[in-house]
Amino acid sequence: MMEISDNTMVITRDDGTEDTYKILFYYHNEERGRDYYFLYQEEDPDSLIVMASEDGESLLNVDEEEFAECEEVLAAYEEGLDEKRKIE
């Protein structure tokens, strides 16, 4: 189960333990009907993970095809940030 509040996602595992992640960004893939979340923990911001959700309540692992797409989306996101920094 997951809960999102103020750009933070709390993931509750089956055993009741909770992990807290910051959301770098997310996007929706209309074809698959899934949202893809790019997450990191504040204590380790260089470790980015990607999870998917179909219902906004539970998370799914991504397959190789989805991961490749997520890598492309992340590269475009980072490129956009670089361009924005150049303008500022």
C-alpha atoms as a PDB file:
ATOM      1  CA  MET A   1       0.000   0.000   0.000  1.00  0.00           C
ATOM      2  CA  MET A   2       1.144   3.541  -0.625  1.00  0.00           C
ATOM      3  CA  GLU A   3       0.154   7.007   0.503  1.00  0.00           C
ATOM      4  CA  ILE A   4       1.220  10.244  -1.165  1.00  0.00           C
ATOM      5  CA  SER A   5       1.357  13.606   0.574  1.00  0.00           C
ATOM      6  CA  ASP A   6       3.423  16.712  -0.217  1.00  0.00           C
ATOM      7  CA  ASN A   7       5.682  15.006  -2.781  1.00  0.00           C
ATOM      8  CA  THR A   8       6.405  12.186  -0.330  1.00  0.00           C
ATOM      9  CA  MET A   9       5.357   8.557  -0.726  1.00  0.00           C
ATOM     10  CA  VAL A  10       5.035   6.240   2.250  1.00  0.00           C
ATOM     11  CA  ILE A  11       5.085   2.576   1.277  1.00  0.00           C
ATOM     12  CA  THR A  12       3.656   0.122   3.796  1.00  0.00           C
ATOM     13  CA  ARG A  13       4.922  -3.431   3.380  1.00  0.00           C
ATOM     14  CA  ASP A  14       2.874  -6.545   4.117  1.00  0.00           C
ATOM     15  CA  ASP A  15       4.605  -6.877   7.521  1.00  0.00           C
ATOM     16  CA  GLY A  16       3.543  -3.327   8.472  1.00  0.00           C
ATOM     17  CA  THR A  17       6.944  -1.668   8.138  1.00  0.00           C
ATOM     18  CA  GLU A  18       7.018   1.649   6.328  1.00  0.00           C
ATOM     19  CA  ASP A  19       9.541   3.157   3.924  1.00  0.00           C
ATOM     20  CA  THR A  20       9.445   6.848   3.055  1.00  0.00           C
ATOM     21  CA  TYR A  21      10.497   8.131  -0.367  1.00  0.00           C
ATOM     22  CA  LYS A  22      10.583  11.523  -2.013  1.00  0.00           C
ATOM     23  CA  ILE A  23       8.990  11.718  -5.462  1.00  0.00           C
ATOM     24  CA  LEU A  24      11.388  13.189  -8.012  1.00  0.00           C
ATOM     25  CA  PHE A  25       8.587  13.140 -10.595  1.00  0.00           C
ATOM     26  CA  TYR A  26       6.033  10.823 -12.136  1.00  0.00           C
ATOM     27  CA  TYR A  27       4.279  10.376 -15.437  1.00  0.00           C
ATOM     28  CA  HIS A  28       1.250   8.524 -16.775  1.00  0.00           C
ATOM     29  CA  ASN A  29       1.354   6.066 -19.678  1.00  0.00           C
ATOM     30  CA  GLU A  30      -2.102   6.074 -21.244  1.00  0.00           C
ATOM     31  CA  GLU A  31      -1.564   2.833 -23.212  1.00  0.00           C
ATOM     32  CA  ARG A  32      -0.702   0.831 -20.114  1.00  0.00           C
ATOM     33  CA  GLY A  33      -2.993   2.737 -17.760  1.00  0.00           C
ATOM     34  CA  ARG A  34      -0.133   3.082 -15.282  1.00  0.00           C
ATOM     35  CA  ASP A  35       1.570   5.871 -13.392  1.00  0.00           C
ATOM     36  CA  TYR A  36       5.366   5.602 -13.081  1.00  0.00           C
ATOM     37  CA  TYR A  37       7.010   7.090  -9.999  1.00  0.00           C
ATOM     38  CA  PHE A  38      10.688   8.028  -9.786  1.00  0.00           C
ATOM     39  CA  LEU A  39      11.537   7.761  -6.087  1.00  0.00           C
ATOM     40  CA  TYR A  40      14.523   8.300  -3.806  1.00  0.00           C
ATOM     41  CA  GLN A  41      15.182   8.317  -0.090  1.00  0.00           C
ATOM     42  CA  GLU A  42      16.395  11.599   1.379  1.00  0.00           C
ATOM     43  CA  GLU A  43      19.389   9.928   3.011  1.00  0.00           C
ATOM     44  CA  ASP A  44      20.465   8.503  -0.371  1.00  0.00           C
ATOM     45  CA  PRO A  45      19.323  10.900  -3.134  1.00  0.00           C
ATOM     46  CA  ASP A  46      21.582   9.271  -5.753  1.00  0.00           C
ATOM     47  CA  SER A  47      19.703   5.959  -5.556  1.00  0.00           C
ATOM     48  CA  LEU A  48      16.663   6.347  -7.768  1.00  0.00           C
ATOM     49  CA  ILE A  49      14.035   3.623  -8.096  1.00  0.00           C
ATOM     50  CA  VAL A  50      11.049   3.372 -10.425  1.00  0.00           C
ATOM     51  CA  MET A  51       7.732   1.837  -9.434  1.00  0.00           C
ATOM     52  CA  ALA A  52       4.405   1.653 -11.252  1.00  0.00           C
ATOM     53  CA  SER A  53       0.808   1.856 -10.068  1.00  0.00           C
ATOM     54  CA  GLU A  54      -2.455   1.077 -11.821  1.00  0.00           C
ATOM     55  CA  ASP A  55      -4.797   2.062  -9.008  1.00  0.00           C
ATOM     56  CA  GLY A  56      -2.948   4.746  -7.030  1.00  0.00           C
ATOM     57  CA  GLU A  57      -2.929   2.498  -3.960  1.00  0.00           C
ATOM     58  CA  SER A  58      -0.553  -0.369  -4.675  1.00  0.00           C
ATOM     59  CA  LEU A  59       2.835  -0.511  -6.382  1.00  0.00           C
ATOM     60  CA  LEU A  60       4.092  -2.839  -9.074  1.00  0.00           C
ATOM     61  CA  ASN A  61       7.587  -3.625 -10.287  1.00  0.00           C
ATOM     62  CA  VAL A  62       8.340  -2.535 -13.837  1.00  0.00           C
ATOM     63  CA  ASP A  63       9.396  -4.998 -16.530  1.00  0.00           C
ATOM     64  CA  GLU A  64      12.374  -4.529 -18.863  1.00  0.00           C
ATOM     65  CA  GLU A  65      10.344  -2.751 -21.554  1.00  0.00           C
ATOM     66  CA  GLU A  66       8.820  -0.349 -19.043  1.00  0.00           C
ATOM     67  CA  PHE A  67      12.228   0.269 -17.471  1.00  0.00           C
ATOM     68  CA  ALA A  68      13.725   1.158 -20.861  1.00  0.00           C
ATOM     69  CA  GLU A  69      10.892   3.636 -21.402  1.00  0.00           C
ATOM     70  CA  CYS A  70      11.444   5.093 -17.931  1.00  0.00           C
ATOM     71  CA  GLU A  71      15.142   5.580 -18.690  1.00  0.00           C
ATOM     72  CA  GLU A  72      14.185   7.581 -21.792  1.00  0.00           C
ATOM     73  CA  VAL A  73      11.690   9.681 -19.827  1.00  0.00           C
ATOM     74  CA  LEU A  74      14.294  10.320 -17.107  1.00  0.00           C
ATOM     75  CA  ALA A  75      16.865  11.399 -19.702  1.00  0.00           C
ATOM     76  CA  ALA A  76      14.352  13.852 -21.206  1.00  0.00           C
ATOM     77  CA  TYR A  77      13.491  15.140 -17.721  1.00  0.00           C
ATOM     78  CA  GLU A  78      17.161  15.721 -16.900  1.00  0.00           C
ATOM     79  CA  GLU A  79      17.730  17.378 -20.278  1.00  0.00           C
ATOM     80  CA  GLY A  80      14.851  19.733 -19.541  1.00  0.00           C
ATOM     81  CA  LEU A  81      16.409  20.603 -16.174  1.00  0.00           C
ATOM     82  CA  ASP A  82      19.748  21.313 -17.869  1.00  0.00           C
ATOM     83  CA  GLU A  83      18.046  23.624 -20.371  1.00  0.00           C
ATOM     84  CA  LYS A  84      16.196  25.409 -17.583  1.00  0.00           C
ATOM     85  CA  ARG A  85      19.464  25.964 -15.693  1.00  0.00           C
ATOM     86  CA  LYS A  86      21.031  27.478 -18.802  1.00  0.00           C
ATOM     87  CA  ILE A  87      18.183  29.982 -19.080  1.00  0.00           C
ATOM     88  CA  GLU A  88      18.400  30.988 -15.419  1.00  0.00           C
END
